[in-house]
Amino acid sequence: MANQAILPRIAMFHGGGSTPQIFETQCKALHQHLSSKFEFVYFGAPFESAPGAGVLPFFTFEEWGPYLNWYMKDDNGEEYPDGTAGNYDDEEGIERVLRMMRDTGPGGKWVGCLGFSQGTRLVGGLLKWQQLRRDKNVVTEENVDLQFGVLCMGAGQPMTSTVPESASIYSFSLS
């Protein structure tokens, strides 16, 4: 087996009512142009939802479902801005995303993130969270050093975090 170069990674976040597989299909041209420079890792949202705008009829539930969403709403229709389902015993959105990144295992450093539609809110939230931690001289995860974010067709505030910027969430160790 030939040795493959370890490439820097880009975290990819689909829109609401989509899936990582749909988003990967939609990003095929991007992948073809940049796959020799970056590893693209597609993440799936934690909550099931109805299909998002433009998903049907192209990506049927039978072949591509269940559709997923990064946010839940309370009984009054208000969205939980931290990516929880209102259950604060569970991990919140930024914490969940960092865990998902860690759970992908060893590989290149996380250098960027790209989100489409609702996924842009995670990109904004991750970059904001990282900057707030740096401003307070808090060491970030050793394998996460986001240098850029790409936001495609997004709206809404960045995902918020209930974890104080000075708190340590996870520590990556690849040794």
C-alpha atoms as a PDB file:
ATOM      1  CA  MET A   1       0.000   0.000   0.000  1.00  0.00           C
ATOM      2  CA  ALA A   2       1.415   3.376  -1.001  1.00  0.00           C
ATOM      3  CA  ASN A   3       1.912   6.055   1.629  1.00  0.00           C
ATOM      4  CA  GLN A   4      -0.631   8.821   1.295  1.00  0.00           C
ATOM      5  CA  ALA A   5       0.223  12.357   2.306  1.00  0.00           C
ATOM      6  CA  ILE A   6      -1.607  13.639   5.350  1.00  0.00           C
ATOM      7  CA  LEU A   7      -3.609  16.584   4.082  1.00  0.00           C
ATOM      8  CA  PRO A   8      -5.004  19.495   6.079  1.00  0.00           C
ATOM      9  CA  ARG A   9      -8.706  18.993   6.702  1.00  0.00           C
ATOM     10  CA  ILE A  10     -11.773  21.099   6.019  1.00  0.00           C
ATOM     11  CA  ALA A  11     -14.908  20.472   8.090  1.00  0.00           C
ATOM     12  CA  MET A  12     -17.999  20.497   5.851  1.00  0.00           C
ATOM     13  CA  PHE A  13     -21.479  21.341   7.220  1.00  0.00           C
ATOM     14  CA  HIS A  14     -24.626  20.760   5.156  1.00  0.00           C
ATOM     15  CA  GLY A  15     -27.734  22.901   5.198  1.00  0.00           C
ATOM     16  CA  GLY A  16     -30.931  22.239   7.151  1.00  0.00           C
ATOM     17  CA  GLY A  17     -33.067  19.421   5.784  1.00  0.00           C
ATOM     18  CA  SER A  18     -30.129  17.813   3.976  1.00  0.00           C
ATOM     19  CA  THR A  19     -27.494  15.163   4.724  1.00  0.00           C
ATOM     20  CA  PRO A  20     -23.703  14.858   4.529  1.00  0.00           C
ATOM     21  CA  GLN A  21     -24.120  12.565   1.507  1.00  0.00           C
ATOM     22  CA  ILE A  22     -26.248  15.121  -0.344  1.00  0.00           C
ATOM     23  CA  PHE A  23     -23.789  17.893   0.477  1.00  0.00           C
ATOM     24  CA  GLU A  24     -20.848  15.794  -0.690  1.00  0.00           C
ATOM     25  CA  THR A  25     -22.650  15.189  -3.985  1.00  0.00           C
ATOM     26  CA  GLN A  26     -23.327  18.917  -4.322  1.00  0.00           C
ATOM     27  CA  CYS A  27     -19.641  19.697  -3.651  1.00  0.00           C
ATOM     28  CA  LYS A  28     -18.290  17.235  -6.215  1.00  0.00           C
ATOM     29  CA  ALA A  29     -16.702  19.931  -8.432  1.00  0.00           C
ATOM     30  CA  LEU A  30     -15.027  21.581  -5.429  1.00  0.00           C
ATOM     31  CA  HIS A  31     -13.673  18.210  -4.343  1.00  0.00           C
ATOM     32  CA  GLN A  32     -12.312  17.491  -7.826  1.00  0.00           C
ATOM     33  CA  HIS A  33     -10.382  20.776  -7.844  1.00  0.00           C
ATOM     34  CA  LEU A  34      -9.016  20.713  -4.283  1.00  0.00           C
ATOM     35  CA  SER A  35      -8.806  17.074  -3.138  1.00  0.00           C
ATOM     36  CA  SER A  36      -5.048  16.987  -3.770  1.00  0.00           C
ATOM     37  CA  LYS A  37      -4.612  19.887  -1.299  1.00  0.00           C
ATOM     38  CA  PHE A  38      -7.273  19.201   1.368  1.00  0.00           C
ATOM     39  CA  GLU A  39      -9.215  16.352   2.915  1.00  0.00           C
ATOM     40  CA  PHE A  40     -12.917  17.197   3.026  1.00  0.00           C
ATOM     41  CA  VAL A  41     -14.780  15.703   5.997  1.00  0.00           C
ATOM     42  CA  TYR A  42     -18.581  15.913   5.860  1.00  0.00           C
ATOM     43  CA  PHE A  43     -20.511  16.049   9.124  1.00  0.00           C
ATOM     44  CA  GLY A  44     -24.160  15.259   9.759  1.00  0.00           C
ATOM     45  CA  ALA A  45     -26.539  17.270  11.901  1.00  0.00           C
ATOM     46  CA  PRO A  46     -27.985  15.586  15.004  1.00  0.00           C
ATOM     47  CA  PHE A  47     -31.718  16.180  14.493  1.00  0.00           C
ATOM     48  CA  GLU A  48     -34.086  14.662  11.925  1.00  0.00           C
ATOM     49  CA  SER A  49     -36.191  17.105   9.929  1.00  0.00           C
ATOM     50  CA  ALA A  50     -38.292  17.628   6.850  1.00  0.00           C
ATOM     51  CA  PRO A  51     -36.414  18.034   3.557  1.00  0.00           C
ATOM     52  CA  GLY A  52     -34.881  21.456   3.006  1.00  0.00           C
ATOM     53  CA  ALA A  53     -35.555  23.784   0.099  1.00  0.00           C
ATOM     54  CA  GLY A  54     -34.399  22.333  -3.215  1.00  0.00           C
ATOM     55  CA  VAL A  55     -33.767  18.851  -1.811  1.00  0.00           C
ATOM     56  CA  LEU A  56     -36.816  17.244  -3.424  1.00  0.00           C
ATOM     57  CA  PRO A  57     -37.415  15.797  -5.959  1.00  0.00           C
ATOM     58  CA  PHE A  58     -33.714  15.224  -6.635  1.00  0.00           C
ATOM     59  CA  PHE A  59     -32.720  13.624  -3.332  1.00  0.00           C
ATOM     60  CA  THR A  60     -35.548  11.295  -2.290  1.00  0.00           C
ATOM     61  CA  PHE A  61     -35.971  10.130   1.285  1.00  0.00           C
ATOM     62  CA  GLU A  62     -35.757   6.493   0.195  1.00  0.00           C
ATOM     63  CA  GLU A  63     -32.280   6.986  -1.245  1.00  0.00           C
ATOM     64  CA  TRP A  64     -30.894   9.956   0.719  1.00  0.00           C
ATOM     65  CA  GLY A  65     -32.884  10.252   3.962  1.00  0.00           C
ATOM     66  CA  PRO A  66     -33.356  10.815   6.766  1.00  0.00           C
ATOM     67  CA  TYR A  67     -32.934  14.558   6.348  1.00  0.00           C
ATOM     68  CA  LEU A  68     -31.114  16.366   9.132  1.00  0.00           C
ATOM     69  CA  ASN A  69     -31.112  19.735  10.864  1.00  0.00           C
ATOM     70  CA  TRP A  70     -28.530  21.480  13.066  1.00  0.00           C
ATOM     71  CA  TYR A  71     -31.131  23.272  15.220  1.00  0.00           C
ATOM     72  CA  MET A  72     -34.323  22.451  17.126  1.00  0.00           C
ATOM     73  CA  LYS A  73     -37.179  24.728  18.149  1.00  0.00           C
ATOM     74  CA  ASP A  74     -38.996  24.968  21.456  1.00  0.00           C
ATOM     75  CA  ASP A  75     -42.778  24.691  21.890  1.00  0.00           C
ATOM     76  CA  ASN A  76     -43.158  28.372  20.949  1.00  0.00           C
ATOM     77  CA  GLY A  77     -41.263  27.915  17.680  1.00  0.00           C
ATOM     78  CA  GLU A  78     -38.148  29.672  19.003  1.00  0.00           C
ATOM     79  CA  GLU A  79     -34.872  28.152  17.930  1.00  0.00           C
ATOM     80  CA  TYR A  80     -32.282  27.033  20.458  1.00  0.00           C
ATOM     81  CA  PRO A  81     -29.296  29.136  19.245  1.00  0.00           C
ATOM     82  CA  ASP A  82     -26.704  26.849  20.828  1.00  0.00           C
ATOM     83  CA  GLY A  83     -27.679  23.784  18.807  1.00  0.00           C
ATOM     84  CA  THR A  84     -29.239  21.884  21.693  1.00  0.00           C
ATOM     85  CA  ALA A  85     -32.734  20.518  21.863  1.00  0.00           C
ATOM     86  CA  GLY A  86     -33.253  22.395  25.111  1.00  0.00           C
ATOM     87  CA  ASN A  87     -31.684  19.536  27.058  1.00  0.00           C
ATOM     88  CA  TYR A  88     -28.695  21.148  28.702  1.00  0.00           C
ATOM     89  CA  ASP A  89     -27.548  17.845  30.174  1.00  0.00           C
ATOM     90  CA  ASP A  90     -26.555  17.014  26.601  1.00  0.00           C
ATOM     91  CA  GLU A  91     -23.624  18.567  24.771  1.00  0.00           C
ATOM     92  CA  GLU A  92     -24.311  21.832  22.997  1.00  0.00           C
ATOM     93  CA  GLY A  93     -23.643  22.484  19.325  1.00  0.00           C
ATOM     94  CA  ILE A  94     -20.064  23.811  19.336  1.00  0.00           C
ATOM     95  CA  GLU A  95     -19.033  21.140  21.842  1.00  0.00           C
ATOM     96  CA  ARG A  96     -20.750  18.501  19.661  1.00  0.00           C
ATOM     97  CA  VAL A  97     -19.003  19.714  16.495  1.00  0.00           C
ATOM     98  CA  LEU A  98     -15.585  19.631  18.181  1.00  0.00           C
ATOM     99  CA  ARG A  99     -16.304  16.099  19.426  1.00  0.00           C
ATOM    100  CA  MET A 100     -17.301  15.023  15.913  1.00  0.00           C
ATOM    101  CA  MET A 101     -14.066  16.488  14.568  1.00  0.00           C
ATOM    102  CA  ARG A 102     -12.087  14.662  17.247  1.00  0.00           C
ATOM    103  CA  ASP A 103     -13.953  11.409  16.588  1.00  0.00           C
ATOM    104  CA  THR A 104     -12.772  11.344  12.963  1.00  0.00           C
ATOM    105  CA  GLY A 105      -9.447  10.176  14.358  1.00  0.00           C
ATOM    106  CA  PRO A 106      -5.881  10.972  13.389  1.00  0.00           C
ATOM    107  CA  GLY A 107      -5.204  12.975  10.283  1.00  0.00           C
ATOM    108  CA  GLY A 108      -4.222  16.390   9.124  1.00  0.00           C
ATOM    109  CA  LYS A 109      -4.780  19.554  11.092  1.00  0.00           C
ATOM    110  CA  TRP A 110      -8.237  21.130  10.839  1.00  0.00           C
ATOM    111  CA  VAL A 111      -7.500  24.339   8.931  1.00  0.00           C
ATOM    112  CA  GLY A 112     -10.869  25.410   7.583  1.00  0.00           C
ATOM    113  CA  CYS A 113     -14.591  24.924   7.577  1.00  0.00           C
ATOM    114  CA  LEU A 114     -17.252  25.337   4.916  1.00  0.00           C
ATOM    115  CA  GLY A 115     -20.973  25.547   5.429  1.00  0.00           C
ATOM    116  CA  PHE A 116     -23.985  25.835   3.187  1.00  0.00           C
ATOM    117  CA  SER A 117     -27.186  27.569   4.325  1.00  0.00           C
ATOM    118  CA  GLN A 118     -27.805  26.502   7.937  1.00  0.00           C
ATOM    119  CA  GLY A 119     -24.279  25.035   8.028  1.00  0.00           C
ATOM    120  CA  THR A 120     -22.840  28.561   7.723  1.00  0.00           C
ATOM    121  CA  ARG A 121     -24.048  29.225  11.243  1.00  0.00           C
ATOM    122  CA  LEU A 122     -21.776  26.454  12.541  1.00  0.00           C
ATOM    123  CA  VAL A 123     -18.846  27.876  10.584  1.00  0.00           C
ATOM    124  CA  GLY A 124     -19.444  31.321  12.079  1.00  0.00           C
ATOM    125  CA  GLY A 125     -19.886  29.819  15.541  1.00  0.00           C
ATOM    126  CA  LEU A 126     -16.671  27.790  15.357  1.00  0.00           C
ATOM    127  CA  LEU A 127     -14.615  30.734  14.142  1.00  0.00           C
ATOM    128  CA  LYS A 128     -16.117  33.034  16.774  1.00  0.00           C
ATOM    129  CA  TRP A 129     -15.533  30.455  19.534  1.00  0.00           C
ATOM    130  CA  GLN A 130     -11.905  29.974  18.465  1.00  0.00           C
ATOM    131  CA  GLN A 131     -11.273  33.736  18.323  1.00  0.00           C
ATOM    132  CA  LEU A 132     -12.824  34.346  21.759  1.00  0.00           C
ATOM    133  CA  ARG A 133     -10.601  31.631  23.239  1.00  0.00           C
ATOM    134  CA  ARG A 134      -7.502  33.073  21.597  1.00  0.00           C
ATOM    135  CA  ASP A 135      -8.379  36.558  22.836  1.00  0.00           C
ATOM    136  CA  LYS A 136      -8.354  35.138  26.385  1.00  0.00           C
ATOM    137  CA  ASN A 137      -5.102  33.220  25.755  1.00  0.00           C
ATOM    138  CA  VAL A 138      -6.845  29.880  26.206  1.00  0.00           C
ATOM    139  CA  VAL A 139      -5.158  27.047  24.359  1.00  0.00           C
ATOM    140  CA  THR A 140      -7.406  25.593  21.700  1.00  0.00           C
ATOM    141  CA  GLU A 141      -7.457  21.963  20.654  1.00  0.00           C
ATOM    142  CA  GLU A 142      -4.022  21.050  19.342  1.00  0.00           C
ATOM    143  CA  ASN A 143      -5.309  19.670  16.037  1.00  0.00           C
ATOM    144  CA  VAL A 144      -7.752  22.537  15.335  1.00  0.00           C
ATOM    145  CA  ASP A 145      -6.335  25.769  13.961  1.00  0.00           C
ATOM    146  CA  LEU A 146      -9.024  27.184  11.710  1.00  0.00           C
ATOM    147  CA  GLN A 147      -7.484  29.634   9.271  1.00  0.00           C
ATOM    148  CA  PHE A 148     -10.568  30.262   7.157  1.00  0.00           C
ATOM    149  CA  GLY A 149     -14.271  29.701   6.836  1.00  0.00           C
ATOM    150  CA  VAL A 150     -16.420  29.633   3.719  1.00  0.00           C
ATOM    151  CA  LEU A 151     -20.066  30.594   4.117  1.00  0.00           C
ATOM    152  CA  CYS A 152     -22.314  29.764   1.153  1.00  0.00           C
ATOM    153  CA  MET A 153     -25.880  31.069   0.986  1.00  0.00           C
ATOM    154  CA  GLY A 154     -26.245  31.468   4.742  1.00  0.00           C
ATOM    155  CA  ALA A 155     -28.289  33.673   7.001  1.00  0.00           C
ATOM    156  CA  GLY A 156     -28.844  33.898  10.728  1.00  0.00           C
ATOM    157  CA  GLN A 157     -26.628  34.343  13.737  1.00  0.00           C
ATOM    158  CA  PRO A 158     -23.645  32.065  14.316  1.00  0.00           C
ATOM    159  CA  MET A 159     -24.209  29.085  16.576  1.00  0.00           C
ATOM    160  CA  THR A 160     -23.649  30.186  20.146  1.00  0.00           C
ATOM    161  CA  SER A 161     -21.825  28.313  22.871  1.00  0.00           C
ATOM    162  CA  THR A 162     -22.901  27.915  26.476  1.00  0.00           C
ATOM    163  CA  VAL A 163     -19.393  26.773  27.430  1.00  0.00           C
ATOM    164  CA  PRO A 164     -17.271  29.650  28.762  1.00  0.00           C
ATOM    165  CA  GLU A 165     -14.364  30.583  26.495  1.00  0.00           C
ATOM    166  CA  SER A 166     -11.964  29.937  29.356  1.00  0.00           C
ATOM    167  CA  ALA A 167     -13.157  26.349  29.863  1.00  0.00           C
ATOM    168  CA  SER A 168     -11.350  23.409  28.354  1.00  0.00           C
ATOM    169  CA  ILE A 169     -13.663  21.213  26.317  1.00  0.00           C
ATOM    170  CA  TYR A 170     -11.495  18.574  24.668  1.00  0.00           C
ATOM    171  CA  SER A 171      -7.842  17.941  24.289  1.00  0.00           C
ATOM    172  CA  PHE A 172      -6.646  16.239  21.130  1.00  0.00           C
ATOM    173  CA  SER A 173      -3.657  13.962  21.421  1.00  0.00           C
ATOM    174  CA  LEU A 174      -2.221  12.185  18.421  1.00  0.00           C
ATOM    175  CA  SER A 175       0.894  10.823  20.085  1.00  0.00           C
END
